[in-house]
């Protein structure tokens, strides 16, 4: 199997850390004021760390061999699912406010 549990967890953490630095680097390049904001950093890390589990879930529809790795990573999948749910619930609750 190409991805085992530790590889998925490692890539998830690295992706979260990479997402964490995107905003400060862009702000630094544009010279747009303060580069670091803790509240934004936490959200960026959580958003980045959900990308890998979501991609793995999508790939499991094409390659069922990934499913055992997903089952072994219940915590990673649960965190990604909770973050995804919070985002979707926020979008639903905010619908129509811009009208």
PDB file of N, CA and C in Angstrom:
ATOM      1  N   UNK A   1       0.854  -1.174   0.000  1.00  0.00           N
ATOM      2  CA  UNK A   1       0.000   0.000   0.000  1.00  0.00           C
ATOM      3  C   UNK A   1       0.900   1.237   0.000  1.00  0.00           C
ATOM      4  N   UNK A   2       0.550   2.202  -0.830  1.00  0.00           N
ATOM      5  CA  UNK A   2       1.361   3.401  -0.992  1.00  0.00           C
ATOM      6  C   UNK A   2       1.355   4.281   0.252  1.00  0.00           C
ATOM      7  N   UNK A   3       0.189   4.494   0.830  1.00  0.00           N
ATOM      8  CA  UNK A   3       0.076   5.362   2.012  1.00  0.00           C
ATOM      9  C   UNK A   3      -0.295   4.521   3.219  1.00  0.00           C
ATOM     10  N   UNK A   4       0.563   4.485   4.205  1.00  0.00           N
ATOM     11  CA  UNK A   4       0.168   3.873   5.462  1.00  0.00           C
ATOM     12  C   UNK A   4      -0.211   4.987   6.432  1.00  0.00           C
ATOM     13  N   UNK A   5      -0.605   4.616   7.620  1.00  0.00           N
ATOM     14  CA  UNK A   5      -1.100   5.605   8.575  1.00  0.00           C
ATOM     15  C   UNK A   5      -0.110   6.694   8.912  1.00  0.00           C
ATOM     16  N   UNK A   6       1.138   6.329   9.104  1.00  0.00           N
ATOM     17  CA  UNK A   6       2.116   7.340   9.496  1.00  0.00           C
ATOM     18  C   UNK A   6       2.402   8.319   8.365  1.00  0.00           C
ATOM     19  N   UNK A   7       2.367   7.841   7.122  1.00  0.00           N
ATOM     20  CA  UNK A   7       2.598   8.744   5.983  1.00  0.00           C
ATOM     21  C   UNK A   7       1.458   9.751   5.869  1.00  0.00           C
ATOM     22  N   UNK A   8       0.229   9.282   6.018  1.00  0.00           N
ATOM     23  CA  UNK A   8      -0.923  10.189   5.944  1.00  0.00           C
ATOM     24  C   UNK A   8      -0.840  11.226   7.065  1.00  0.00           C
ATOM     25  N   UNK A   9      -0.532  10.796   8.274  1.00  0.00           N
ATOM     26  CA  UNK A   9      -0.423  11.739   9.395  1.00  0.00           C
ATOM     27  C   UNK A   9       0.714  12.732   9.174  1.00  0.00           C
ATOM     28  N   UNK A  10       1.845  12.247   8.687  1.00  0.00           N
ATOM     29  CA  UNK A  10       2.993  13.131   8.440  1.00  0.00           C
ATOM     30  C   UNK A  10       2.671  14.163   7.375  1.00  0.00           C
ATOM     31  N   UNK A  11       2.074  13.730   6.280  1.00  0.00           N
ATOM     32  CA  UNK A  11       1.731  14.658   5.196  1.00  0.00           C
ATOM     33  C   UNK A  11       0.677  15.654   5.670  1.00  0.00           C
ATOM     34  N   UNK A  12      -0.250  15.204   6.513  1.00  0.00           N
ATOM     35  CA  UNK A  12      -1.278  16.092   7.061  1.00  0.00           C
ATOM     36  C   UNK A  12      -0.646  17.214   7.885  1.00  0.00           C
ATOM     37  N   UNK A  13       0.298  16.869   8.745  1.00  0.00           N
ATOM     38  CA  UNK A  13       0.950  17.876   9.585  1.00  0.00           C
ATOM     39  C   UNK A  13       1.786  18.827   8.741  1.00  0.00           C
ATOM     40  N   UNK A  14       2.526  18.296   7.783  1.00  0.00           N
ATOM     41  CA  UNK A  14       3.362  19.144   6.918  1.00  0.00           C
ATOM     42  C   UNK A  14       2.486  20.093   6.103  1.00  0.00           C
ATOM     43  N   UNK A  15       1.365  19.595   5.585  1.00  0.00           N
ATOM     44  CA  UNK A  15       0.462  20.449   4.817  1.00  0.00           C
ATOM     45  C   UNK A  15      -0.125  21.548   5.698  1.00  0.00           C
ATOM     46  N   UNK A  16      -0.478  21.213   6.921  1.00  0.00           N
ATOM     47  CA  UNK A  16      -0.974  22.226   7.856  1.00  0.00           C
ATOM     48  C   UNK A  16       0.068  23.288   8.140  1.00  0.00           C
ATOM     49  N   UNK A  17       1.312  22.862   8.331  1.00  0.00           N
ATOM     50  CA  UNK A  17       2.387  23.823   8.591  1.00  0.00           C
ATOM     51  C   UNK A  17       2.675  24.699   7.377  1.00  0.00           C
ATOM     52  N   UNK A  18       2.605  24.109   6.187  1.00  0.00           N
ATOM     53  CA  UNK A  18       2.801  24.906   4.965  1.00  0.00           C
ATOM     54  C   UNK A  18       1.688  25.941   4.805  1.00  0.00           C
ATOM     55  N   UNK A  19       0.448  25.528   5.090  1.00  0.00           N
ATOM     56  CA  UNK A  19      -0.675  26.468   5.005  1.00  0.00           C
ATOM     57  C   UNK A  19      -0.535  27.580   6.030  1.00  0.00           C
ATOM     58  N   UNK A  20       0.112  27.276   7.138  1.00  0.00           N
ATOM     59  CA  UNK A  20       0.324  28.240   8.205  1.00  0.00           C
ATOM     60  C   UNK A  20       1.202  29.407   7.764  1.00  0.00           C
ATOM     61  N   UNK A  21       2.131  29.169   6.864  1.00  0.00           N
ATOM     62  CA  UNK A  21       3.066  30.219   6.455  1.00  0.00           C
ATOM     63  C   UNK A  21       2.657  30.951   5.181  1.00  0.00           C
ATOM     64  N   UNK A  22       1.625  30.478   4.487  1.00  0.00           N
ATOM     65  CA  UNK A  22       1.233  31.114   3.225  1.00  0.00           C
ATOM     66  C   UNK A  22       0.811  32.567   3.433  1.00  0.00           C
ATOM     67  N   UNK A  23      -0.080  32.814   4.383  1.00  0.00           N
ATOM     68  CA  UNK A  23      -0.588  34.173   4.611  1.00  0.00           C
ATOM     69  C   UNK A  23       0.529  35.141   5.021  1.00  0.00           C
ATOM     70  N   UNK A  24       1.379  34.795   6.008  1.00  0.00           N
ATOM     71  CA  UNK A  24       2.455  35.728   6.375  1.00  0.00           C
ATOM     72  C   UNK A  24       3.425  36.004   5.231  1.00  0.00           C
ATOM     73  N   UNK A  25       3.728  34.978   4.430  1.00  0.00           N
ATOM     74  CA  UNK A  25       4.642  35.195   3.295  1.00  0.00           C
ATOM     75  C   UNK A  25       4.006  36.133   2.274  1.00  0.00           C
ATOM     76  N   UNK A  26       2.732  35.913   1.966  1.00  0.00           N
ATOM     77  CA  UNK A  26       2.053  36.813   1.012  1.00  0.00           C
ATOM     78  C   UNK A  26       2.010  38.248   1.539  1.00  0.00           C
ATOM     79  N   UNK A  27       1.695  38.400   2.817  1.00  0.00           N
ATOM     80  CA  UNK A  27       1.631  39.752   3.394  1.00  0.00           C
ATOM     81  C   UNK A  27       3.002  40.406   3.410  1.00  0.00           C
ATOM     82  N   UNK A  28       4.042  39.625   3.648  1.00  0.00           N
ATOM     83  CA  UNK A  28       5.404  40.154   3.647  1.00  0.00           C
ATOM     84  C   UNK A  28       5.797  40.598   2.243  1.00  0.00           C
ATOM     85  N   UNK A  29       5.459  39.797   1.237  1.00  0.00           N
ATOM     86  CA  UNK A  29       5.782  40.139  -0.157  1.00  0.00           C
ATOM     87  C   UNK A  29       5.060  41.414  -0.568  1.00  0.00           C
ATOM     88  N   UNK A  30       3.784  41.530  -0.187  1.00  0.00           N
ATOM     89  CA  UNK A  30       3.003  42.722  -0.545  1.00  0.00           C
ATOM     90  C   UNK A  30       3.260  43.891   0.384  1.00  0.00           C
ATOM     91  N   UNK A  31       4.056  43.667   1.435  1.00  0.00           N
ATOM     92  CA  UNK A  31       4.323  44.700   2.452  1.00  0.00           C
ATOM     93  C   UNK A  31       3.013  45.264   3.001  1.00  0.00           C
ATOM     94  N   UNK A  32       2.117  44.337   3.342  1.00  0.00           N
ATOM     95  CA  UNK A  32       0.773  44.705   3.782  1.00  0.00           C
ATOM     96  C   UNK A  32       0.644  44.626   5.293  1.00  0.00           C
ATOM     97  N   UNK A  33       1.349  45.467   5.988  1.00  0.00           N
ATOM     98  CA  UNK A  33       1.193  45.556   7.438  1.00  0.00           C
ATOM     99  C   UNK A  33       1.714  44.343   8.187  1.00  0.00           C
ATOM    100  N   UNK A  34       1.041  44.054   9.300  1.00  0.00           N
ATOM    101  CA  UNK A  34       1.450  42.969  10.186  1.00  0.00           C
ATOM    102  C   UNK A  34       1.365  41.626   9.456  1.00  0.00           C
ATOM    103  N   UNK A  35       2.436  40.854   9.512  1.00  0.00           N
ATOM    104  CA  UNK A  35       2.486  39.578   8.788  1.00  0.00           C
ATOM    105  C   UNK A  35       1.870  38.425   9.570  1.00  0.00           C
ATOM    106  N   UNK A  36       1.869  38.515  10.880  1.00  0.00           N
ATOM    107  CA  UNK A  36       1.452  37.374  11.693  1.00  0.00           C
ATOM    108  C   UNK A  36       0.253  37.734  12.553  1.00  0.00           C
ATOM    109  N   UNK A  37      -0.770  36.897  12.497  1.00  0.00           N
ATOM    110  CA  UNK A  37      -1.942  37.034  13.361  1.00  0.00           C
ATOM    111  C   UNK A  37      -2.275  35.644  13.888  1.00  0.00           C
ATOM    112  N   UNK A  38      -2.266  35.482  15.188  1.00  0.00           N
ATOM    113  CA  UNK A  38      -2.439  34.159  15.792  1.00  0.00           C
ATOM    114  C   UNK A  38      -3.771  33.529  15.429  1.00  0.00           C
ATOM    115  N   UNK A  39      -4.863  34.306  15.470  1.00  0.00           N
ATOM    116  CA  UNK A  39      -6.164  33.737  15.145  1.00  0.00           C
ATOM    117  C   UNK A  39      -6.214  33.242  13.707  1.00  0.00           C
ATOM    118  N   UNK A  40      -5.632  33.997  12.796  1.00  0.00           N
ATOM    119  CA  UNK A  40      -5.585  33.573  11.387  1.00  0.00           C
ATOM    120  C   UNK A  40      -4.668  32.362  11.219  1.00  0.00           C
ATOM    121  N   UNK A  41      -3.582  32.314  11.977  1.00  0.00           N
ATOM    122  CA  UNK A  41      -2.629  31.207  11.881  1.00  0.00           C
ATOM    123  C   UNK A  41      -3.280  29.888  12.289  1.00  0.00           C
ATOM    124  N   UNK A  42      -4.062  29.921  13.339  1.00  0.00           N
ATOM    125  CA  UNK A  42      -4.734  28.702  13.786  1.00  0.00           C
ATOM    126  C   UNK A  42      -5.710  28.215  12.722  1.00  0.00           C
ATOM    127  N   UNK A  43      -6.496  29.116  12.175  1.00  0.00           N
ATOM    128  CA  UNK A  43      -7.450  28.745  11.125  1.00  0.00           C
ATOM    129  C   UNK A  43      -6.720  28.231   9.890  1.00  0.00           C
ATOM    130  N   UNK A  44      -5.633  28.876   9.504  1.00  0.00           N
ATOM    131  CA  UNK A  44      -4.864  28.430   8.339  1.00  0.00           C
ATOM    132  C   UNK A  44      -4.297  27.030   8.554  1.00  0.00           C
ATOM    133  N   UNK A  45      -3.769  26.762   9.754  1.00  0.00           N
ATOM    134  CA  UNK A  45      -3.240  25.430  10.047  1.00  0.00           C
ATOM    135  C   UNK A  45      -4.343  24.382   9.972  1.00  0.00           C
ATOM    136  N   UNK A  46      -5.485  24.659  10.582  1.00  0.00           N
ATOM    137  CA  UNK A  46      -6.585  23.690  10.564  1.00  0.00           C
ATOM    138  C   UNK A  46      -7.103  23.461   9.148  1.00  0.00           C
ATOM    139  N   UNK A  47      -7.232  24.526   8.379  1.00  0.00           N
ATOM    140  CA  UNK A  47      -7.668  24.370   6.987  1.00  0.00           C
ATOM    141  C   UNK A  47      -6.662  23.559   6.185  1.00  0.00           C
ATOM    142  N   UNK A  48      -5.388  23.843   6.361  1.00  0.00           N
ATOM    143  CA  UNK A  48      -4.367  23.101   5.632  1.00  0.00           C
ATOM    144  C   UNK A  48      -4.315  21.640   6.025  1.00  0.00           C
ATOM    145  N   UNK A  49      -4.515  21.364   7.293  1.00  0.00           N
ATOM    146  CA  UNK A  49      -4.437  19.979   7.752  1.00  0.00           C
ATOM    147  C   UNK A  49      -5.663  19.156   7.359  1.00  0.00           C
ATOM    148  N   UNK A  50      -6.730  19.789   6.933  1.00  0.00           N
ATOM    149  CA  UNK A  50      -7.884  19.020   6.462  1.00  0.00           C
ATOM    150  C   UNK A  50      -7.755  18.638   4.996  1.00  0.00           C
ATOM    151  N   UNK A  51      -6.863  19.275   4.269  1.00  0.00           N
ATOM    152  CA  UNK A  51      -6.744  19.002   2.834  1.00  0.00           C
ATOM    153  C   UNK A  51      -6.364  17.548   2.561  1.00  0.00           C
ATOM    154  N   UNK A  52      -5.390  17.019   3.263  1.00  0.00           N
ATOM    155  CA  UNK A  52      -4.922  15.653   3.013  1.00  0.00           C
ATOM    156  C   UNK A  52      -6.007  14.611   3.311  1.00  0.00           C
ATOM    157  N   UNK A  53      -6.669  14.655   4.469  1.00  0.00           N
ATOM    158  CA  UNK A  53      -7.737  13.673   4.697  1.00  0.00           C
ATOM    159  C   UNK A  53      -8.862  13.765   3.668  1.00  0.00           C
ATOM    160  N   UNK A  54      -9.219  14.982   3.254  1.00  0.00           N
ATOM    161  CA  UNK A  54     -10.272  15.110   2.252  1.00  0.00           C
ATOM    162  C   UNK A  54      -9.842  14.523   0.916  1.00  0.00           C
ATOM    163  N   UNK A  55      -8.599  14.735   0.521  1.00  0.00           N
ATOM    164  CA  UNK A  55      -8.093  14.151  -0.723  1.00  0.00           C
ATOM    165  C   UNK A  55      -8.065  12.629  -0.615  1.00  0.00           C
ATOM    166  N   UNK A  56      -7.639  12.115   0.532  1.00  0.00           N
ATOM    167  CA  UNK A  56      -7.621  10.664   0.731  1.00  0.00           C
ATOM    168  C   UNK A  56      -9.028  10.073   0.650  1.00  0.00           C
ATOM    169  N   UNK A  57      -9.992  10.765   1.235  1.00  0.00           N
ATOM    170  CA  UNK A  57     -11.377  10.291   1.151  1.00  0.00           C
ATOM    171  C   UNK A  57     -11.861  10.274  -0.296  1.00  0.00           C
ATOM    172  N   UNK A  58     -11.521  11.311  -1.050  1.00  0.00           N
ATOM    173  CA  UNK A  58     -11.917  11.345  -2.458  1.00  0.00           C
ATOM    174  C   UNK A  58     -11.215  10.237  -3.250  1.00  0.00           C
ATOM    175  N   UNK A  59      -9.942  10.005  -2.969  1.00  0.00           N
ATOM    176  CA  UNK A  59      -9.197   8.949  -3.664  1.00  0.00           C
ATOM    177  C   UNK A  59      -9.718   7.558  -3.315  1.00  0.00           C
ATOM    178  N   UNK A  60     -10.288   7.401  -2.132  1.00  0.00           N
ATOM    179  CA  UNK A  60     -10.805   6.091  -1.742  1.00  0.00           C
ATOM    180  C   UNK A  60     -11.974   5.653  -2.617  1.00  0.00           C
ATOM    181  N   UNK A  61     -12.628   6.595  -3.271  1.00  0.00           N
ATOM    182  CA  UNK A  61     -13.690   6.238  -4.213  1.00  0.00           C
ATOM    183  C   UNK A  61     -13.116   5.620  -5.477  1.00  0.00           C
ATOM    184  N   UNK A  62     -11.878   5.988  -5.809  1.00  0.00           N
ATOM    185  CA  UNK A  62     -11.228   5.472  -7.009  1.00  0.00           C
ATOM    186  C   UNK A  62     -10.384   4.237  -6.689  1.00  0.00           C
ATOM    187  N   UNK A  63      -9.706   4.251  -5.540  1.00  0.00           N
ATOM    188  CA  UNK A  63      -8.812   3.171  -5.140  1.00  0.00           C
ATOM    189  C   UNK A  63      -9.191   2.672  -3.750  1.00  0.00           C
ATOM    190  N   UNK A  64      -9.971   1.595  -3.685  1.00  0.00           N
ATOM    191  CA  UNK A  64     -10.415   1.088  -2.376  1.00  0.00           C
ATOM    192  C   UNK A  64      -9.273   0.604  -1.472  1.00  0.00           C
ATOM    193  N   UNK A  65      -8.072   0.463  -1.996  1.00  0.00           N
ATOM    194  CA  UNK A  65      -6.944   0.026  -1.171  1.00  0.00           C
ATOM    195  C   UNK A  65      -6.565   1.070  -0.130  1.00  0.00           C
ATOM    196  N   UNK A  66      -7.026   2.300  -0.302  1.00  0.00           N
ATOM    197  CA  UNK A  66      -6.730   3.374   0.649  1.00  0.00           C
ATOM    198  C   UNK A  66      -7.600   3.263   1.903  1.00  0.00           C
ATOM    199  N   UNK A  67      -8.733   2.615   1.805  1.00  0.00           N
ATOM    200  CA  UNK A  67      -9.703   2.562   2.905  1.00  0.00           C
ATOM    201  C   UNK A  67      -9.104   2.013   4.208  1.00  0.00           C
ATOM    202  N   UNK A  68      -8.302   0.940   4.205  1.00  0.00           N
ATOM    203  CA  UNK A  68      -7.721   0.498   5.488  1.00  0.00           C
ATOM    204  C   UNK A  68      -6.850   1.566   6.158  1.00  0.00           C
ATOM    205  N   UNK A  69      -6.123   2.345   5.369  1.00  0.00           N
ATOM    206  CA  UNK A  69      -5.321   3.427   5.953  1.00  0.00           C
ATOM    207  C   UNK A  69      -6.210   4.487   6.569  1.00  0.00           C
ATOM    208  N   UNK A  70      -7.333   4.764   5.931  1.00  0.00           N
ATOM    209  CA  UNK A  70      -8.258   5.750   6.479  1.00  0.00           C
ATOM    210  C   UNK A  70      -8.855   5.260   7.794  1.00  0.00           C
ATOM    211  N   UNK A  71      -9.151   3.984   7.858  1.00  0.00           N
ATOM    212  CA  UNK A  71      -9.699   3.411   9.088  1.00  0.00           C
ATOM    213  C   UNK A  71      -8.656   3.452  10.202  1.00  0.00           C
ATOM    214  N   UNK A  72      -7.380   3.252   9.847  1.00  0.00           N
ATOM    215  CA  UNK A  72      -6.306   3.324  10.841  1.00  0.00           C
ATOM    216  C   UNK A  72      -6.089   4.741  11.350  1.00  0.00           C
ATOM    217  N   UNK A  73      -6.534   5.735  10.600  1.00  0.00           N
ATOM    218  CA  UNK A  73      -6.353   7.151  10.961  1.00  0.00           C
ATOM    219  C   UNK A  73      -7.674   7.791  11.354  1.00  0.00           C
ATOM    220  N   UNK A  74      -8.389   7.146  12.238  1.00  0.00           N
ATOM    221  CA  UNK A  74      -9.711   7.648  12.639  1.00  0.00           C
ATOM    222  C   UNK A  74      -9.641   9.051  13.222  1.00  0.00           C
ATOM    223  N   UNK A  75      -8.627   9.334  14.019  1.00  0.00           N
ATOM    224  CA  UNK A  75      -8.532  10.649  14.648  1.00  0.00           C
ATOM    225  C   UNK A  75      -8.320  11.731  13.602  1.00  0.00           C
ATOM    226  N   UNK A  76      -7.412  11.487  12.656  1.00  0.00           N
ATOM    227  CA  UNK A  76      -7.168  12.463  11.592  1.00  0.00           C
ATOM    228  C   UNK A  76      -8.428  12.697  10.775  1.00  0.00           C
ATOM    229  N   UNK A  77      -9.117  11.629  10.434  1.00  0.00           N
ATOM    230  CA  UNK A  77     -10.351  11.748   9.651  1.00  0.00           C
ATOM    231  C   UNK A  77     -11.440  12.459  10.454  1.00  0.00           C
ATOM    232  N   UNK A  78     -11.515  12.163  11.742  1.00  0.00           N
ATOM    233  CA  UNK A  78     -12.531  12.804  12.594  1.00  0.00           C
ATOM    234  C   UNK A  78     -12.275  14.299  12.728  1.00  0.00           C
ATOM    235  N   UNK A  79     -11.018  14.682  12.922  1.00  0.00           N
ATOM    236  CA  UNK A  79     -10.696  16.109  13.021  1.00  0.00           C
ATOM    237  C   UNK A  79     -11.043  16.818  11.715  1.00  0.00           C
ATOM    238  N   UNK A  80     -10.665  16.215  10.584  1.00  0.00           N
ATOM    239  CA  UNK A  80     -10.994  16.812   9.284  1.00  0.00           C
ATOM    240  C   UNK A  80     -12.506  16.904   9.094  1.00  0.00           C
ATOM    241  N   UNK A  81     -13.215  15.871   9.497  1.00  0.00           N
ATOM    242  CA  UNK A  81     -14.672  15.890   9.378  1.00  0.00           C
ATOM    243  C   UNK A  81     -15.308  16.964  10.235  1.00  0.00           C
ATOM    244  N   UNK A  82     -14.818  17.134  11.451  1.00  0.00           N
ATOM    245  CA  UNK A  82     -15.351  18.172  12.348  1.00  0.00           C
ATOM    246  C   UNK A  82     -15.077  19.569  11.792  1.00  0.00           C
ATOM    247  N   UNK A  83     -13.866  19.783  11.310  1.00  0.00           N
ATOM    248  CA  UNK A  83     -13.537  21.093  10.735  1.00  0.00           C
ATOM    249  C   UNK A  83     -14.391  21.353   9.498  1.00  0.00           C
ATOM    250  N   UNK A  84     -14.546  20.338   8.667  1.00  0.00           N
ATOM    251  CA  UNK A  84     -15.407  20.476   7.490  1.00  0.00           C
ATOM    252  C   UNK A  84     -16.851  20.771   7.876  1.00  0.00           C
ATOM    253  N   UNK A  85     -17.341  20.070   8.889  1.00  0.00           N
ATOM    254  CA  UNK A  85     -18.706  20.303   9.347  1.00  0.00           C
ATOM    255  C   UNK A  85     -18.888  21.717   9.873  1.00  0.00           C
ATOM    256  N   UNK A  86     -17.935  22.184  10.661  1.00  0.00           N
ATOM    257  CA  UNK A  86     -18.016  23.543  11.202  1.00  0.00           C
ATOM    258  C   UNK A  86     -18.047  24.565  10.071  1.00  0.00           C
ATOM    259  N   UNK A  87     -17.215  24.366   9.049  1.00  0.00           N
ATOM    260  CA  UNK A  87     -17.195  25.276   7.908  1.00  0.00           C
ATOM    261  C   UNK A  87     -18.537  25.270   7.178  1.00  0.00           C
ATOM    262  N   UNK A  88     -19.044  24.071   6.883  1.00  0.00           N
ATOM    263  CA  UNK A  88     -20.315  23.966   6.160  1.00  0.00           C
ATOM    264  C   UNK A  88     -21.463  24.535   6.992  1.00  0.00           C
ATOM    265  N   UNK A  89     -21.484  24.235   8.286  1.00  0.00           N
ATOM    266  CA  UNK A  89     -22.536  24.774   9.150  1.00  0.00           C
ATOM    267  C   UNK A  89     -22.466  26.302   9.198  1.00  0.00           C
ATOM    268  N   UNK A  90     -21.252  26.845   9.247  1.00  0.00           N
ATOM    269  CA  UNK A  90     -21.096  28.301   9.227  1.00  0.00           C
ATOM    270  C   UNK A  90     -21.608  28.912   7.934  1.00  0.00           C
ATOM    271  N   UNK A  91     -21.341  28.241   6.821  1.00  0.00           N
ATOM    272  CA  UNK A  91     -21.833  28.732   5.532  1.00  0.00           C
ATOM    273  C   UNK A  91     -23.355  28.685   5.470  1.00  0.00           C
ATOM    274  N   UNK A  92     -23.940  27.615   5.978  1.00  0.00           N
ATOM    275  CA  UNK A  92     -25.405  27.488   5.979  1.00  0.00           C
ATOM    276  C   UNK A  92     -26.031  28.560   6.863  1.00  0.00           C
ATOM    277  N   UNK A  93     -25.472  28.757   8.048  1.00  0.00           N
ATOM    278  CA  UNK A  93     -26.032  29.738   8.977  1.00  0.00           C
ATOM    279  C   UNK A  93     -25.832  31.177   8.502  1.00  0.00           C
ATOM    280  N   UNK A  94     -24.808  31.402   7.681  1.00  0.00           N
ATOM    281  CA  UNK A  94     -24.538  32.749   7.184  1.00  0.00           C
ATOM    282  C   UNK A  94     -25.247  33.024   5.849  1.00  0.00           C
ATOM    283  N   UNK A  95     -25.907  32.034   5.294  1.00  0.00           N
ATOM    284  CA  UNK A  95     -26.567  32.206   4.000  1.00  0.00           C
ATOM    285  C   UNK A  95     -27.621  33.296   4.083  1.00  0.00           C
ATOM    286  N   UNK A  96     -27.608  34.194   3.131  1.00  0.00           N
ATOM    287  CA  UNK A  96     -28.586  35.263   3.059  1.00  0.00           C
ATOM    288  C   UNK A  96     -28.218  36.520   3.806  1.00  0.00           C
ATOM    289  N   UNK A  97     -27.146  36.514   4.540  1.00  0.00           N
ATOM    290  CA  UNK A  97     -26.748  37.715   5.295  1.00  0.00           C
ATOM    291  C   UNK A  97     -26.270  38.829   4.376  1.00  0.00           C
ATOM    292  N   UNK A  98     -25.745  38.473   3.227  1.00  0.00           N
ATOM    293  CA  UNK A  98     -25.233  39.497   2.324  1.00  0.00           C
ATOM    294  C   UNK A  98     -26.331  40.204   1.545  1.00  0.00           C
ATOM    295  N   UNK A  99     -27.546  39.721   1.667  1.00  0.00           N
ATOM    296  CA  UNK A  99     -28.686  40.350   0.942  1.00  0.00           C
ATOM    297  C   UNK A  99     -29.095  41.651   1.576  1.00  0.00           C
TER     298      UNK A  99
END
